[in-house]
Structure formats: C-alpha cells, structure tokens
Protein backbone atom coordinates (compact mmCIF):
# COMPACT_ATOMS: atom_id res chain seq x y z
CA UNK A 1 8.09 22.44 8.89
CA UNK A 2 11.05 20.19 9.73
CA UNK A 3 11.47 18.57 13.13
CA UNK A 4 14.68 16.75 14.09
CA UNK A 5 15.42 13.81 16.36
CA UNK A 6 12.15 11.94 16.02
CA UNK A 7 11.85 8.25 16.75
CA UNK A 8 9.13 5.94 15.52
CA UNK A 9 7.10 6.39 18.69
CA UNK A 10 6.88 10.11 17.88
CA UNK A 11 5.41 9.57 14.40
CA UNK A 12 1.77 8.64 13.93
CA UNK A 13 1.64 6.79 10.62
CA UNK A 14 -0.68 4.46 8.73
CA UNK A 15 0.43 2.38 5.74
CA UNK A 16 4.14 3.32 6.01
CA UNK A 17 6.43 2.77 3.03
CA UNK A 18 10.25 2.91 3.05
CA UNK A 19 12.64 3.41 0.13
CA UNK A 20 16.35 2.84 0.88
CA UNK A 21 18.40 5.24 -1.27
CA UNK A 22 21.79 3.57 -1.79
CA UNK A 23 23.42 6.67 -3.31
CA UNK A 24 22.98 8.70 -0.10
CA UNK A 25 22.63 5.81 2.40
CA UNK A 26 19.32 7.34 3.44
CA UNK A 27 16.02 5.68 4.26
CA UNK A 28 12.94 7.60 3.12
CA UNK A 29 9.66 6.80 4.89
CA UNK A 30 6.49 8.06 3.17
CA UNK A 31 3.21 8.96 4.85
CA UNK A 32 -0.06 10.67 4.05
CA UNK A 33 -0.17 14.17 5.54
CA UNK A 34 -3.51 13.40 7.18
CA UNK A 35 -1.74 11.36 9.87
CA UNK A 36 -0.71 14.65 11.51
CA UNK A 37 -3.39 16.66 13.30
CA UNK A 38 -1.62 19.92 12.36
CA UNK A 39 -1.45 19.15 8.62
CA UNK A 40 -2.97 22.04 6.64
CA UNK A 41 -2.75 20.41 3.19
CA UNK A 42 -3.72 17.07 1.70
CA UNK A 43 -0.91 15.09 0.20
CA UNK A 44 2.17 12.97 0.92
CA UNK A 45 5.24 13.72 3.03
CA UNK A 46 8.54 12.01 3.77
CA UNK A 47 10.69 11.38 6.83
CA UNK A 48 14.45 10.68 6.47
CA UNK A 49 16.82 8.50 8.49
CA UNK A 50 20.35 7.11 8.28
CA UNK A 51 19.80 4.29 10.77
CA UNK A 52 16.03 3.52 10.92
CA UNK A 53 16.06 4.77 14.52
CA UNK A 54 16.31 8.57 14.41
CA UNK A 55 14.19 10.42 11.86
CA UNK A 56 13.94 13.98 10.56
CA UNK A 57 11.06 15.65 8.78
CA UNK A 58 8.43 15.61 7.54
CA UNK A 59 8.92 17.30 4.17
CA UNK A 60 6.13 17.53 1.54
CA UNK A 61 6.61 15.56 -1.69
CA UNK A 62 3.07 15.80 -3.13
CA UNK A 63 0.02 17.99 -2.57
CA UNK A 64 -3.35 17.62 -4.25
CA UNK A 65 -3.50 20.04 -7.22
CA UNK A 66 -6.19 22.69 -7.38
CA UNK A 67 -9.26 21.56 -9.31
CA UNK A 68 -8.21 17.91 -9.19
CA UNK A 69 -10.79 15.11 -9.47
CA UNK A 70 -9.84 14.00 -5.92
CA UNK A 71 -10.53 16.55 -3.23
CA UNK A 72 -10.94 14.66 0.02
CA UNK A 73 -8.51 11.93 1.15
CA UNK A 74 -4.97 10.78 0.38
CA UNK A 75 -4.03 7.25 1.49
CA UNK A 76 -1.28 4.64 1.40
CA UNK A 77 1.55 6.24 -0.62
CA UNK A 78 4.18 4.01 -2.21
CA UNK A 79 7.31 5.11 -4.09
CA UNK A 80 8.70 2.86 -6.83
CA UNK A 81 11.83 3.34 -8.93
CA UNK A 82 11.30 2.49 -12.59
CA UNK A 83 13.56 3.27 -15.57
CA UNK A 84 15.51 5.85 -13.57
CA UNK A 85 12.50 7.81 -12.30
CA UNK A 86 10.50 7.80 -9.08
CA UNK A 87 6.78 7.02 -9.15
CA UNK A 88 4.22 7.69 -6.47
CA UNK A 89 1.37 5.16 -6.31
CA UNK A 90 -1.31 6.58 -4.04
CA UNK A 91 -5.01 6.19 -3.19
CA UNK A 92 -7.18 9.29 -3.59
CA UNK A 93 -10.81 9.96 -2.75
CA UNK A 94 -13.40 12.52 -3.78
CA UNK A 95 -16.42 13.64 -1.79
CA UNK A 96 -18.50 12.74 -4.86
CA UNK A 97 -20.48 9.52 -4.74
CA UNK A 98 -20.59 6.81 -7.39
CA UNK A 99 -23.74 6.07 -9.36
CA UNK A 100 -23.71 2.45 -8.18
CA UNK A 101 -26.04 1.83 -5.22
CA UNK A 102 -24.96 0.27 -1.97
CA UNK A 103 -24.76 -3.50 -2.58
CA UNK A 104 -26.44 -4.17 0.77
CA UNK A 105 -29.28 -1.88 1.75
CA UNK A 106 -28.52 -1.00 5.33
CA UNK A 107 -27.71 2.35 6.89
CA UNK A 108 -24.48 0.92 8.30
CA UNK A 109 -23.10 0.13 4.85
CA UNK A 110 -20.47 2.72 3.76
CA UNK A 111 -21.31 5.26 1.06
CA UNK A 112 -20.13 4.60 -2.49
CA UNK A 113 -17.54 7.35 -2.91
CA UNK A 114 -15.13 7.93 -5.79
CA UNK A 115 -11.89 6.30 -4.64
CA UNK A 116 -9.05 5.23 -6.91
CA UNK A 117 -5.33 4.59 -7.27
CA UNK A 118 -3.25 6.97 -9.37
CA UNK A 119 0.40 7.23 -10.40
CA UNK A 120 2.54 10.40 -10.27
CA UNK A 121 6.15 10.91 -11.38
CA UNK A 122 9.28 12.74 -10.20
CA UNK A 123 13.03 12.79 -10.79
CA UNK A 124 13.74 12.65 -7.06
CA UNK A 125 12.62 10.56 -4.07
CA UNK A 126 11.82 13.90 -2.41
CA UNK A 127 9.48 14.99 -5.22
CA UNK A 128 7.64 17.00 -6.19
CA UNK A 129 5.46 14.31 -7.77
CA UNK A 130 3.34 15.45 -10.72
CA UNK A 131 0.31 13.83 -12.38
CA UNK A 132 0.24 12.51 -15.92
CA UNK A 133 -3.42 13.52 -16.16
CA UNK A 134 -6.41 14.55 -14.08
CA UNK A 135 -7.78 11.00 -13.94
CA UNK A 136 -7.00 7.82 -11.99
CA UNK A 137 -5.30 4.65 -13.21
CA UNK A 138 -8.09 2.40 -11.89
CA UNK A 139 -11.56 2.26 -13.48
CA UNK A 140 -13.43 5.50 -12.85
CA UNK A 141 -16.67 3.68 -11.99
CA UNK A 142 -14.94 1.47 -9.41
CA UNK A 143 -14.06 2.15 -5.80
CA UNK A 144 -10.43 1.04 -5.68
CA UNK A 145 -7.35 1.48 -3.53
CA UNK A 146 -3.77 0.45 -2.66
CA UNK A 147 -2.13 0.21 -6.08
CA UNK A 148 1.39 -1.27 -6.15
CA UNK A 149 3.92 -1.84 -8.94
CA UNK A 150 5.26 -5.17 -10.15
CA UNK A 151 7.50 -5.63 -13.20
CA UNK A 152 7.63 -9.05 -14.88
CA UNK A 153 9.74 -9.74 -17.97
CA UNK A 154 10.18 -5.98 -18.38
CA UNK A 155 6.41 -5.36 -18.41
CA UNK A 156 5.00 -3.10 -15.66
CA UNK A 157 1.78 -4.09 -13.92
CA UNK A 158 -0.30 -2.57 -11.17
CA UNK A 159 -1.94 -4.76 -8.56
CA UNK A 160 -4.74 -3.04 -6.63
CA UNK A 161 -7.82 -3.74 -4.54
CA UNK A 162 -11.45 -3.47 -5.62
CA UNK A 163 -13.24 -2.20 -2.52
CA UNK A 164 -15.50 -4.46 -0.48
CA UNK A 165 -17.79 -1.46 0.00
CA UNK A 166 -18.80 -1.77 -3.66
CA UNK A 167 -18.69 -5.54 -4.25
CA UNK A 168 -19.01 -7.01 -0.70
CA UNK A 169 -16.24 -9.61 -1.24
CA UNK A 170 -13.17 -7.49 -1.98
CA UNK A 171 -10.79 -8.60 -4.73
CA UNK A 172 -7.17 -8.28 -5.77
CA UNK A 173 -6.95 -6.98 -9.34
CA UNK A 174 -4.24 -6.71 -12.02
CA UNK A 175 -3.78 -4.29 -14.93
CA UNK A 176 -0.89 -3.86 -17.34
CA UNK A 177 0.58 -0.35 -17.42
CA UNK A 178 2.25 1.55 -20.24
CA UNK A 179 6.06 1.51 -20.18
CA UNK A 180 6.16 5.02 -18.68
CA UNK A 181 3.43 4.07 -16.15
CA UNK A 182 1.26 6.92 -17.42
CA UNK A 183 -1.87 4.84 -18.05
CA UNK A 184 -3.41 1.35 -17.89
CA UNK A 185 -3.38 -0.67 -21.11
CA UNK A 186 -5.78 -3.49 -20.16
CA UNK A 187 -9.00 -4.12 -18.32
CA UNK A 188 -8.57 -5.44 -14.75
CA UNK A 189 -8.18 -9.17 -14.18
CA UNK A 190 -9.15 -10.65 -10.80
CA UNK A 191 -6.33 -12.53 -9.06
CA UNK A 192 -8.27 -13.65 -5.97
CA UNK A 193 -11.07 -12.72 -3.56
CA UNK A 194 -10.84 -11.95 0.15
CA UNK A 195 -13.02 -14.98 0.88
CA UNK A 196 -10.39 -17.25 -0.71
CA UNK A 197 -8.40 -16.92 2.54
CA UNK A 198 -9.90 -18.95 5.39
CA UNK A 199 -8.50 -16.54 8.00
CA UNK A 200 -10.48 -13.52 6.72
CA UNK A 201 -13.50 -12.54 8.81
CA UNK A 202 -16.36 -10.29 7.64
CA UNK A 203 -16.82 -6.65 8.61
CA UNK A 204 -20.20 -4.87 8.67
CA UNK A 205 -21.70 -8.41 8.91
CA UNK A 206 -21.03 -9.31 5.26
CA UNK A 207 -18.05 -7.44 3.78
CA UNK A 208 -14.62 -8.98 3.34
CA UNK A 209 -11.64 -6.70 2.82
CA UNK A 210 -8.58 -6.82 0.58
CA UNK A 211 -5.90 -4.27 1.49
CA UNK A 212 -2.26 -3.41 0.94
CA UNK A 213 -0.77 -5.79 -1.69
CA UNK A 214 3.00 -6.01 -2.00
CA UNK A 215 4.95 -8.46 -4.21
CA UNK A 216 8.12 -10.33 -3.25
CA UNK A 217 10.23 -12.82 -5.21
CA UNK A 218 11.78 -15.52 -2.99
CA UNK A 219 15.36 -16.79 -3.15
CA UNK A 220 14.06 -19.83 -5.05
CA UNK A 221 12.09 -17.74 -7.54
CA UNK A 222 8.60 -18.17 -6.06
CA UNK A 223 6.31 -15.15 -6.11
CA UNK A 224 4.61 -14.11 -2.84
CA UNK A 225 2.02 -11.39 -2.32
CA UNK A 226 1.58 -10.07 1.18
CA UNK A 227 -1.78 -8.42 1.82
CA UNK A 228 -4.04 -7.42 4.69
CA UNK A 229 -7.56 -8.02 5.95
CA UNK A 230 -9.27 -8.72 9.28
CA UNK A 231 -8.87 -11.95 11.24
CA UNK A 232 -9.62 -13.19 14.75
CA UNK A 233 -7.26 -10.68 16.42
CA UNK A 234 -8.04 -7.70 14.19
CA UNK A 235 -6.07 -6.34 11.25
CA UNK A 236 -3.57 -8.89 9.93
CA UNK A 237 -1.02 -9.66 7.21
CA UNK A 238 -1.45 -12.77 5.11
CA UNK A 239 0.52 -14.20 2.22
CA UNK A 240 -0.56 -15.65 -1.10
CA UNK A 241 1.67 -17.82 -3.28
CA UNK A 242 1.59 -17.82 -7.08
CA UNK A 243 1.56 -21.49 -8.01
CA UNK A 244 3.41 -20.89 -11.30
CA UNK A 245 5.56 -17.99 -10.13
CA UNK A 246 3.79 -15.56 -12.48
CA UNK A 247 1.82 -12.47 -11.55
CA UNK A 248 -1.39 -13.85 -13.12
CA UNK A 249 -1.24 -16.88 -10.80
CA UNK A 250 -3.19 -18.98 -9.93
CA UNK A 251 -2.80 -17.87 -6.31
CA UNK A 252 -3.00 -20.03 -3.18
CA UNK A 253 -3.53 -18.56 0.28
CA UNK A 254 -0.95 -19.52 2.90
CA UNK A 255 -0.47 -18.94 6.64
CA UNK A 256 -0.64 -15.53 8.29
CA UNK A 257 2.56 -13.57 8.81
CA UNK A 258 1.22 -11.22 11.50
CA UNK A 259 -2.17 -11.33 13.23
CA UNK A 260 -2.07 -8.94 16.22
CA UNK A 261 -4.08 -5.95 14.90
CA UNK A 262 -1.41 -4.58 12.58
CA UNK A 263 -1.05 -4.57 8.83
CA UNK A 264 -0.71 -2.95 5.41
CA UNK A 265 2.85 -4.21 5.10
CA UNK A 266 5.76 -3.88 2.71
CA UNK A 267 9.25 -5.39 2.52
CA UNK A 268 12.63 -3.74 2.09
CA UNK A 269 16.30 -4.63 2.51
CA UNK A 270 18.49 -2.62 4.87
CA UNK A 271 21.90 -1.40 3.73
CA UNK A 272 23.44 -4.40 5.51
CA UNK A 273 21.06 -6.70 3.59
CA UNK A 274 18.55 -7.60 6.28
CA UNK A 275 15.04 -8.29 5.02
CA UNK A 276 12.52 -6.19 6.98
CA UNK A 277 8.72 -6.23 7.14
CA UNK A 278 7.27 -2.74 7.75
CA UNK A 279 3.63 -2.13 8.77
CA UNK A 280 1.50 -0.09 11.16
CA UNK A 281 0.22 -1.27 14.52
CA UNK A 282 -2.14 -1.01 16.31
CA UNK A 283 -4.87 -0.43 13.77
CA UNK A 284 -6.50 2.05 16.17
CA UNK A 285 -6.61 5.78 15.49
CA UNK A 286 -4.58 7.79 16.56
CA UNK A 287 -2.28 5.16 18.09
CA UNK A 288 -0.80 3.82 14.81
CA UNK A 289 2.99 3.57 14.69
CA UNK A 290 5.46 2.03 12.23
CA UNK A 291 6.66 -1.44 13.21
CA UNK A 292 9.72 -3.14 11.73
CA UNK A 293 10.41 -6.86 12.02
CA UNK A 294 13.17 -9.00 10.60
CA UNK A 295 11.66 -11.59 8.31
CA UNK A 296 13.06 -14.68 6.64
CA UNK A 297 12.39 -16.36 3.33
CA UNK A 298 12.08 -20.05 4.33
CA UNK A 299 10.99 -22.77 1.90
CA UNK A 300 9.08 -20.26 -0.23
CA UNK A 301 7.21 -18.78 2.73
CA UNK A 302 7.80 -15.61 4.74
CA UNK A 303 8.44 -16.23 8.44
CA UNK A 304 8.43 -13.44 11.04
CA UNK A 305 11.49 -13.26 13.28
CA UNK A 306 12.28 -10.59 15.90
CA UNK A 307 11.68 -6.87 16.02
CA UNK A 308 14.38 -4.83 14.32
CA UNK A 309 16.86 -3.15 16.70
CA UNK A 310 15.78 -5.21 19.69
C-alpha cells in the first residue's frame, strides 16, 4: 500500500536509515515493517523523498522467507552499496531460546532468544533483498544485533553488538567478511565494552547496552564510531575514536553527541553536501519519529548543530 504526502511526523520509525541515490536524486529511508500497527508481514520497507520533507510509501523491500531460521522480529535495517550491489544488514530474531542460561538469575532478566545480524543482497535499493543462506552472519550461539558495514583497504568488515542480555556488559565486535559479503571469514574480535564509556548507565540493575554502531571517517582521516546506550537522560548517542585510525583500534570514548532520549544514529550527506545525523526520538513506543540534525566534523570530533530544515 502506497501513501503519498507524508511528513516525518506521520511516520513512526525506530532505527531509521537513509540512502541518498545520486542517479535519481532520491532519498530512501528504510524501516522495519513492525513500526506500523497495520503491517501484516515481517520485513523491511522503504519510504522515498526528493527533499527530506515530503515522503511517499512505504514499499516492501524484504519479507522473511517461509521456513527461515528467524520467525519473530526484524530490527534496524541498513542498506550499504558495495561493488555495485545493494546489501541489507538487518537484525533478526527467532522465538527459540539459546542454550546459554541467563547470566543473572532474576525473573526480570530478559530471556536468551536467538537474535543475530544477517546480510541480504539486491541489484536495486528497492529490493527485493535475498539471503545468501538460511543462517546468520554472527555466531549462532550468540545473541547479537545491529550489524553495519565498514570497508578498509578494500577489505569488508562487519561491526556488530554482542547483546548485554547474554553477557551483562555489552560489547562492540568486529568480523571480516568475504568479498561478496556472503559470510564471515574470522571469529569476532572485541573492540570495546559498554562500560568503557563513563556516560553509560546500567539497565535491569546490572546490564550495560551497546547499540547502533556506524563508522565515519573525518576530514583529517580519523575514524569515529557513533553508537548508542543509556545515559542520565535516557537513550543517547556517543562517539568513540580509533586512536590509530584503523577499525581494530584501540578505541577511546569521547563526549556524547546527543543525550535527550534519542539514538541509534547514522550519518549521510545531502545532495547539497550537508552532513546530517539521523536517529529516532523519543525512545518511547509508539512515539518514535525520525530526527535529522546538521552535524559538523570539528577537530576530529562530531559536533551537533541545528535541526535540518529549521
């Protein structure tokens, strides 16, 4: 079903992701179908805009295949262009539980469900996106989420989060991918822990969350990772700096970018070359809406400016 003349206030969305398509001067904004109360399928859909103000859609780009290992939730879609193709990085969940017990024995601690990041491919930003296999790209025995792509020296990597629900202190992990992104080639390497950032506060009394990594190379060649967790004012966006400019780090935690109960951010450039930070706020269901702020790369840090179009 396509609806025209939507603005951002009309679209409930968590973890938004925008791809500017230069060939058609179109912005594509991706969302999990579960954001809409009337969604009858589980998958990913896209909204389209020429000006980042008025949107049309949504149109489906991915639906969970029949008999797939994941049968419950679809989260946090990202679309990356690599070697002329479009790749969907998305978090999927099954209703099945993992064999690992809860790390803290309390009824309030979340169940250990099968959750993972997986990559799908297409020849178009509008899909359909198809799986390489009926298995995730993150370790099958882990509870993982929020995979994102980063290419360094021509080598593709996936950065993703190992869930706090399984290990208490959530981590940011790195694996090398095959050239066609069809599978991981290495075991995960931990880049940092949630507790490495002084601003992160615990949830469920003990857990510390890592969410939503996104990589950005500064004008001076520094490498920044924006990521989310919970601070004094709720959901927030922090930034980590690679001390050597390489994806393996070591990583140092820097000041917050946004702290007012909004997060899971990504960066994109508009067609007139403005750098924009996109995220959802507030982090309260069903009030989540996409927020866009101009952001500046200043002395190898990201500094929030004003809201876009205001």
